[in-house]
Structures are given as C-alpha cells and as structure tokens.
Amino acid sequence: MTLKPTALLGIAAAATLLLAGCASPANTSTDASGYPTKTIHLLIPYGAGGGTDLSGRLMASGLEDKLGAKVVIENDPSASGQNAVQKVADANPDGYTLGFVSLPATNMMYLDSERGAKFTRDSLSPVAVHDTDTVAMAVSSTSKYKSLDDVVAAAKSNPGSITAGSSGVLAVGHLGVLALQKSAGIKITWSTFDDSGQLRTSVLGNSVTLEVGPVSELAPAAANGDLKILALLGDKRMGGSLSDVPTAKELGYSGVSVSANRVLVAPAKTPQKIVDALAAAIKSAQQGADYKSQAASRSLNLNYQDAAAATALWTKFDSTFGPIAKEYRASEQ
C-alpha cells in the first residue's frame, strides 16, 4: 500500500509529539523536574524584624538568585509560631510551601504537652541548617548590674528580685533562663512577651532586669548603647564587637549552652530531588562574598548543614530538651 504525502506528514507529526512527551514528562507534585516553575512561599513563624525574620529574608534572596524563582515571605507569629509550622506540615509536598523555623523552639511546640500541637517531627522534612544564633543575656546600659555574676549574686541574696523576659514559653530565651537557674541554683521571675518592642521598652526602663534572646536581636541595641550584653550562652566567644563578652561557661556556669538553629523545612514526603535542589541553593548562596557580608551585618553566624545533618540535629534536640519541657511543666503545677 502506498501512503499519500499528507498521511506521511500526519504520522511524522504524531511521532514528533510522542517523542517530545517522552523527553519532557509532565511536572507533578511528586516530580522534581523543572523545579521551581512558580512562586515559592516561605512561612516564618515569627514577626518581622526579629533574628529569624532577618535570617529568613537573607536566605530567601539567596534562593531567588540561585533557583531563579520568586520567594514570598509570610510572617505568622500567631500561637507563638505554631500555626505557621502547622501550615507547612499540612501543605502539598511540592516544594512551593516551605517554612523557616528555629530549633529547639520548634521541637518544644510538640514536646510540650500543653501546646497541643497536631504536628510532630515526622510531619516535616528538614532541608538544611542555615545559621546558628547564640543566645545571650543583656541588661539596660543604665542597669546597676554590670556582670552576670552581679545578677546571680542579687538573685541569691534577694530571691525574686531578678526578672527576665523573652519570647515564647520554652523558646530559646526561656530555655536559657531555665538553664542558668539550674546551673547557678537561683530563681528568676520570667515573663513571655509576644511583642519584642514591649520587651525592649521594659528592659530599657529597668522594669525587667534581663532580655534573653539570640545575639542577632541583641547586638544592634548593644552597638548603639541601649543594651549591655553580660554573657553568651554558647560554648565559645564571638568575634568583632562582641569579642570581650564572656560565655556563661567560662564564668563557671556549666550546662548553660543554648542557641537558635535556623532550618529550612518542607512538608513530609517532599521529593528528595526538591530537597536537594533547595539545599544546594542555600549552600551555593552562602559561599558568595556579598551574602557573607549581609549575614555579618545582621550578626548571623552562617552554619550550612545538609538535610541529613539537620535531621540529626533535630533528633538530638528532641532527646535533649524533651525532659526539660516535662520538668518545667511539673514545676508549674
């Protein structure tokens, strides 16, 4: 049988379409090919202007640069950040809804039975650690307390005289207070502040003795003379303008080591290729001189760790801080 030219053209066209389909499979929620093809939404469980927000915005700019997609920041501090994490856990695992969380604060959301969280560690896929922010203790520059030893001595001689504020029950600032209490054998009257501005005003007015939180949130106020950082709750001193600030450890307070470890997370079951693409973008962005400069200006300690390391860190914090949550709640009864 002899085919007409028009029939031959039809067969050729059909074959071309078939081959094209085989070469470029459709992009679905479980297929990472071509990712990303649309806007990525990054949920931050804290308000604008805080350390995690500043870090997240820097990371978002790096992702945009390396992935070529727009990244939109959504701040949602409601329920002490728990609602934002829940939104990520409930999202489609397609790489377009991500979260930027702080550990161990996020661990405490589900380890603390009083919080009633519906998500667990298994609800999320850690992508990478972005930075590690040491927690510090600071007083107003007009405070009568000039050192951490002064604060501890006052707490011992006049129980109840030392007050402290931070954001969130069992968040990093609160964990720092609990750690110092245990190490020094003292009692500090602690309060949570949802509004960081209100906390700062209270400390500057000396109605609250200590502000306890990540260095990135305290350093700018220390630089302009509003605050004096008494001690770092880390394992070693920092450089730059904070090089003369001692650690609690070197002052003799053992076991007082708390930091905010900021991690990019995706919903559980996000394809590994998407996780790898995001992690690679963060790693590449952090190698840039301008990125490093911007991080330094925000007092951020870049500390890239891949998904496996982020997962190991998360698991470690579950075992380390789980007992602290139970102990704290028991003491409240």
Protein backbone atom coordinates (compact mmCIF):
# COMPACT_ATOMS: atom_id res chain seq x y z
CA MET A 1 0.00 0.00 0.00
CA THR A 2 1.30 3.49 -0.86
CA LEU A 3 0.67 6.30 1.62
CA LYS A 4 -0.17 9.79 0.41
CA PRO A 5 2.18 12.64 1.32
CA THR A 6 -0.42 14.15 3.69
CA ALA A 7 -0.68 10.87 5.58
CA LEU A 8 3.09 10.68 5.90
CA LEU A 9 3.16 14.19 7.34
CA GLY A 10 0.50 13.25 9.88
CA ILE A 11 2.46 10.19 11.02
CA ALA A 12 5.65 12.24 11.34
CA ALA A 13 3.88 14.90 13.38
CA ALA A 14 2.38 12.30 15.69
CA ALA A 15 5.77 10.66 16.17
CA THR A 16 7.34 14.03 16.98
CA LEU A 17 4.71 14.73 19.63
CA LEU A 18 5.16 11.27 21.13
CA LEU A 19 8.93 11.67 21.36
CA ALA A 20 8.55 15.14 22.87
CA GLY A 21 6.25 13.72 25.51
CA CYS A 22 8.77 11.02 26.38
CA ALA A 23 11.64 13.52 26.62
CA SER A 24 9.76 16.02 28.82
CA PRO A 25 7.39 14.33 31.25
CA ALA A 26 4.75 16.50 32.88
CA ASN A 27 5.78 18.19 36.14
CA THR A 28 3.68 16.95 39.07
CA SER A 29 3.81 17.26 42.85
CA THR A 30 5.96 14.15 43.02
CA ASP A 31 8.27 15.03 40.12
CA ALA A 32 11.14 17.46 40.70
CA SER A 33 11.96 18.01 37.02
CA GLY A 34 11.94 21.69 36.14
CA TYR A 35 11.59 22.80 39.78
CA PRO A 36 10.83 25.53 40.51
CA THR A 37 8.34 26.77 37.93
CA LYS A 38 6.32 29.17 40.12
CA THR A 39 6.45 31.32 43.24
CA ILE A 40 7.73 29.72 46.46
CA HIS A 41 6.01 30.73 49.70
CA LEU A 42 8.24 30.83 52.77
CA LEU A 43 6.44 30.86 56.13
CA ILE A 44 8.30 32.36 59.09
CA PRO A 45 6.70 31.66 62.50
CA TYR A 46 7.90 34.98 63.94
CA GLY A 47 7.12 38.64 63.38
CA ALA A 48 9.02 40.94 61.06
CA GLY A 49 12.30 42.40 62.27
CA GLY A 50 13.43 39.60 64.60
CA GLY A 51 16.50 37.44 64.14
CA THR A 52 14.71 34.60 62.34
CA ASP A 53 12.93 37.05 60.06
CA LEU A 54 16.18 38.83 59.13
CA SER A 55 17.89 35.49 58.52
CA GLY A 56 14.94 34.15 56.52
CA ARG A 57 14.82 37.20 54.27
CA LEU A 58 18.53 36.86 53.52
CA MET A 59 18.05 33.18 52.70
CA ALA A 60 15.03 33.98 50.51
CA SER A 61 17.14 36.37 48.44
CA GLY A 62 19.76 33.63 48.03
CA LEU A 63 17.14 31.11 46.91
CA GLU A 64 15.74 33.58 44.38
CA ASP A 65 19.20 34.18 42.98
CA LYS A 66 20.17 30.51 42.73
CA LEU A 67 16.81 28.99 41.74
CA GLY A 68 15.51 31.80 39.53
CA ALA A 69 12.09 31.83 41.19
CA LYS A 70 10.32 34.44 43.32
CA VAL A 71 10.23 33.68 47.05
CA VAL A 72 7.45 35.38 49.03
CA ILE A 73 7.85 35.74 52.81
CA GLU A 74 4.79 35.21 55.03
CA ASN A 75 5.22 36.09 58.71
CA ASP A 76 2.78 34.33 61.03
CA PRO A 77 3.69 34.56 64.74
CA SER A 78 0.21 33.51 65.89
CA ALA A 79 0.05 30.85 68.63
CA SER A 80 3.74 31.57 69.30
CA GLY A 81 4.59 30.45 65.76
CA GLN A 82 2.79 27.14 65.99
CA ASN A 83 0.18 27.99 63.35
CA ALA A 84 2.85 28.71 60.72
CA VAL A 85 4.57 25.38 61.30
CA GLN A 86 1.22 23.60 61.10
CA LYS A 87 0.53 25.26 57.73
CA VAL A 88 3.80 23.88 56.38
CA ALA A 89 3.07 20.41 57.76
CA ASP A 90 -0.37 20.46 56.07
CA ALA A 91 0.83 21.80 52.70
CA ASN A 92 1.28 19.82 49.50
CA PRO A 93 4.80 18.33 49.39
CA ASP A 94 5.65 20.03 46.10
CA GLY A 95 8.35 22.45 47.24
CA TYR A 96 6.23 25.59 46.92
CA THR A 97 5.26 25.96 50.59
CA LEU A 98 8.25 25.95 52.92
CA GLY A 99 8.99 27.01 56.48
CA PHE A 100 11.95 28.67 58.14
CA VAL A 101 12.00 27.52 61.75
CA SER A 102 14.20 27.79 64.80
CA LEU A 103 15.39 24.77 66.78
CA PRO A 104 14.90 23.86 69.57
CA ALA A 105 11.92 26.25 69.78
CA THR A 106 10.06 24.21 67.16
CA ASN A 107 10.83 20.96 68.99
CA MET A 108 9.19 22.40 72.07
CA MET A 109 5.95 23.08 70.20
CA TYR A 110 5.16 19.36 70.14
CA LEU A 111 7.29 18.17 73.06
CA ASP A 112 5.41 20.48 75.41
CA SER A 113 2.11 18.70 76.04
CA GLU A 114 0.44 21.99 76.99
CA ARG A 115 0.83 23.34 73.46
CA GLY A 116 -1.42 20.73 71.88
CA ALA A 117 0.42 20.67 68.56
CA LYS A 118 -1.01 18.39 65.87
CA PHE A 119 2.31 18.00 64.08
CA THR A 120 5.43 16.09 65.09
CA ARG A 121 8.99 15.84 63.82
CA ASP A 122 7.79 13.32 61.22
CA SER A 123 5.39 15.91 59.75
CA LEU A 124 8.31 17.87 58.28
CA SER A 125 11.31 17.28 56.04
CA PRO A 126 14.39 19.22 57.18
CA VAL A 127 16.17 20.70 54.15
CA ALA A 128 19.23 22.43 55.60
CA VAL A 129 20.53 24.38 58.57
CA HIS A 130 21.10 27.98 57.50
CA ASP A 131 22.66 29.62 60.57
CA THR A 132 23.24 29.20 64.29
CA ASP A 133 22.48 32.16 66.55
CA THR A 134 23.91 32.03 70.08
CA VAL A 135 21.54 33.09 72.87
CA ALA A 136 22.73 35.88 75.15
CA MET A 137 21.64 37.74 78.29
CA ALA A 138 21.55 41.52 78.31
CA VAL A 139 20.56 44.38 80.60
CA SER A 140 19.85 48.03 80.01
CA SER A 141 23.02 50.11 79.71
CA THR A 142 21.72 52.03 82.73
CA SER A 143 21.24 48.89 84.83
CA LYS A 144 23.03 48.58 88.16
CA TYR A 145 24.07 45.06 87.18
CA LYS A 146 27.39 45.11 85.35
CA SER A 147 28.05 41.38 85.04
CA LEU A 148 26.29 38.04 85.09
CA ASP A 149 27.87 37.38 88.47
CA ASP A 150 26.16 40.54 89.77
CA VAL A 151 22.80 39.19 88.59
CA VAL A 152 23.36 35.78 90.16
CA ALA A 153 24.51 37.32 93.46
CA ALA A 154 21.38 39.51 93.60
CA ALA A 155 19.14 36.53 92.86
CA LYS A 156 20.74 34.59 95.72
CA SER A 157 20.66 37.40 98.27
CA ASN A 158 17.21 38.68 97.35
CA PRO A 159 15.11 35.88 95.77
CA GLY A 160 12.58 37.21 93.29
CA SER A 161 14.46 40.44 92.67
CA ILE A 162 15.75 39.39 89.23
CA THR A 163 13.26 39.37 86.37
CA ALA A 164 13.72 38.27 82.78
CA GLY A 165 11.76 38.44 79.56
CA SER A 166 11.89 36.61 76.25
CA SER A 167 9.56 35.47 73.50
CA GLY A 168 7.63 32.23 73.86
CA VAL A 169 7.23 29.58 76.53
CA LEU A 170 10.16 27.15 76.23
CA ALA A 171 11.57 29.06 73.25
CA VAL A 172 15.35 29.61 73.25
CA GLY A 173 15.30 32.65 75.52
CA HIS A 174 13.21 30.85 78.12
CA LEU A 175 15.41 27.76 77.85
CA GLY A 176 18.41 30.00 78.55
CA VAL A 177 16.79 31.29 81.73
CA LEU A 178 15.93 27.76 82.87
CA ALA A 179 19.49 26.60 82.18
CA LEU A 180 21.04 29.44 84.20
CA GLN A 181 18.62 28.86 87.09
CA LYS A 182 19.61 25.21 87.27
CA SER A 183 23.34 25.85 86.96
CA ALA A 184 23.50 28.73 89.45
CA GLY A 185 20.89 27.42 91.87
CA ILE A 186 18.76 30.56 91.66
CA LYS A 187 15.20 31.55 90.83
CA ILE A 188 14.46 34.16 88.16
CA THR A 189 11.00 35.60 87.65
CA TRP A 190 10.40 35.08 83.93
CA SER A 191 7.72 36.51 81.63
CA THR A 192 6.93 35.92 77.96
CA PHE A 193 6.48 38.84 75.57
CA ASP A 194 4.72 38.41 72.22
CA ASP A 195 5.76 41.95 71.30
CA SER A 196 9.55 42.30 71.12
CA GLY A 197 9.22 46.08 71.21
CA GLN A 198 7.38 45.93 74.52
CA LEU A 199 10.07 43.66 75.95
CA ARG A 200 12.84 46.03 74.88
CA THR A 201 10.99 49.02 76.36
CA SER A 202 10.57 47.16 79.66
CA VAL A 203 14.27 46.30 79.82
CA LEU A 204 15.42 49.80 78.89
CA GLY A 205 13.14 51.16 81.60
CA ASN A 206 14.62 48.65 84.09
CA SER A 207 11.20 47.23 84.96
CA VAL A 208 12.56 43.91 83.58
CA THR A 209 16.16 43.09 84.50
CA LEU A 210 17.23 40.78 81.67
CA GLU A 211 16.41 40.41 77.99
CA VAL A 212 17.31 36.91 76.88
CA GLY A 213 17.40 36.05 73.19
CA PRO A 214 19.52 35.43 70.09
CA VAL A 215 22.59 37.61 69.60
CA SER A 216 21.24 38.85 66.26
CA GLU A 217 18.38 40.52 68.14
CA LEU A 218 20.51 41.97 70.95
CA ALA A 219 23.70 43.05 69.16
CA PRO A 220 22.27 46.09 67.31
CA ALA A 221 20.93 47.55 70.57
CA ALA A 222 24.26 46.83 72.25
CA ALA A 223 26.10 48.56 69.41
CA ASN A 224 24.04 51.74 69.77
CA GLY A 225 24.45 51.79 73.54
CA ASP A 226 20.96 50.80 74.64
CA LEU A 227 21.88 47.35 75.98
CA LYS A 228 24.87 45.73 77.62
CA ILE A 229 25.34 42.04 76.83
CA LEU A 230 26.50 40.31 80.01
CA ALA A 231 27.15 36.81 78.73
CA LEU A 232 26.84 34.49 75.77
CA LEU A 233 25.10 31.19 76.34
CA GLY A 234 27.35 29.41 73.87
CA ASP A 235 30.44 27.24 74.02
CA LYS A 236 32.85 29.93 72.84
CA ARG A 237 33.23 33.67 72.48
CA MET A 238 32.29 35.55 69.35
CA GLY A 239 34.46 37.95 67.40
CA GLY A 240 34.06 41.53 66.34
CA SER A 241 32.29 43.96 68.65
CA LEU A 242 31.36 41.09 71.00
CA SER A 243 34.88 39.73 71.45
CA ASP A 244 35.02 40.96 75.06
CA VAL A 245 31.72 39.33 76.09
CA PRO A 246 32.37 36.18 78.15
CA THR A 247 30.42 32.94 77.93
CA ALA A 248 28.42 31.69 80.87
CA LYS A 249 30.58 28.57 80.74
CA GLU A 250 33.83 30.44 81.30
CA LEU A 251 32.19 32.32 84.18
CA GLY A 252 31.65 28.98 85.88
CA TYR A 253 28.04 28.20 84.92
CA SER A 254 28.18 24.77 83.33
CA GLY A 255 25.46 23.35 81.14
CA VAL A 256 24.27 26.79 80.03
CA SER A 257 24.54 26.35 76.26
CA VAL A 258 21.55 27.40 74.16
CA SER A 259 21.39 28.57 70.57
CA ALA A 260 18.79 29.18 67.88
CA ASN A 261 19.48 26.88 64.94
CA ARG A 262 17.52 28.10 61.92
CA VAL A 263 16.41 25.43 59.50
CA LEU A 264 14.58 25.44 56.16
CA VAL A 265 11.85 22.79 56.24
CA ALA A 266 9.38 21.32 53.77
CA PRO A 267 6.29 19.14 54.29
CA ALA A 268 6.98 15.44 54.88
CA LYS A 269 7.26 13.35 51.71
CA THR A 270 8.68 16.22 49.65
CA PRO A 271 10.65 14.59 46.79
CA GLN A 272 14.33 14.19 47.57
CA LYS A 273 15.29 15.96 44.33
CA ILE A 274 13.47 19.08 45.51
CA VAL A 275 15.08 18.89 48.95
CA ASP A 276 18.49 18.51 47.29
CA ALA A 277 17.86 21.45 44.94
CA LEU A 278 16.91 23.73 47.83
CA ALA A 279 19.85 22.62 49.97
CA ALA A 280 22.30 23.11 47.10
CA ALA A 281 20.94 26.62 46.51
CA ILE A 282 21.48 27.57 50.15
CA LYS A 283 24.99 26.14 50.19
CA SER A 284 25.92 27.97 47.00
CA ALA A 285 24.41 31.27 48.16
CA GLN A 286 26.37 31.18 51.43
CA GLN A 287 29.64 31.00 49.51
CA GLY A 288 29.11 34.44 47.99
CA ALA A 289 31.07 37.38 49.42
CA ASP A 290 28.05 39.71 49.39
CA TYR A 291 25.91 37.09 51.17
CA LYS A 292 28.54 36.69 53.87
CA SER A 293 28.75 40.45 54.26
CA GLN A 294 24.99 40.78 54.66
CA ALA A 295 24.96 37.96 57.20
CA ALA A 296 27.69 39.68 59.23
CA SER A 297 25.75 42.95 59.20
CA ARG A 298 22.82 41.05 60.74
CA SER A 299 25.09 39.38 63.36
CA LEU A 300 24.28 35.98 61.81
CA ASN A 301 26.65 33.04 62.10
CA LEU A 302 26.21 31.12 58.84
CA ASN A 303 26.38 27.40 59.52
CA TYR A 304 25.25 25.40 56.48
CA GLN A 305 24.41 21.76 57.21
CA ASP A 306 22.68 19.43 54.75
CA ALA A 307 19.40 17.57 55.23
CA ALA A 308 20.97 14.59 56.96
CA ALA A 309 22.83 16.77 59.46
CA ALA A 310 19.74 18.93 60.03
CA THR A 311 17.69 15.82 60.75
CA ALA A 312 20.32 14.53 63.19
CA LEU A 313 20.38 17.88 64.99
CA TRP A 314 16.57 17.89 65.22
CA THR A 315 16.54 14.37 66.67
CA LYS A 316 19.25 15.31 69.18
CA PHE A 317 17.19 18.26 70.41
CA ASP A 318 14.15 16.02 70.88
CA SER A 319 16.09 13.89 73.35
CA THR A 320 17.91 16.83 74.97
CA PHE A 321 15.02 19.23 75.50
CA GLY A 322 12.10 16.82 75.88
CA PRO A 323 12.91 16.18 79.56
CA ILE A 324 13.28 19.94 80.16
CA ALA A 325 9.74 20.53 78.90
CA LYS A 326 8.36 17.89 81.25
CA GLU A 327 10.38 19.22 84.17
CA TYR A 328 9.20 22.78 83.58
CA ARG A 329 5.53 21.80 83.38
CA ALA A 330 5.85 19.71 86.51
CA SER A 331 7.30 22.69 88.37
CA GLU A 332 4.36 24.84 87.29
CA GLN A 333 1.81 22.54 88.93
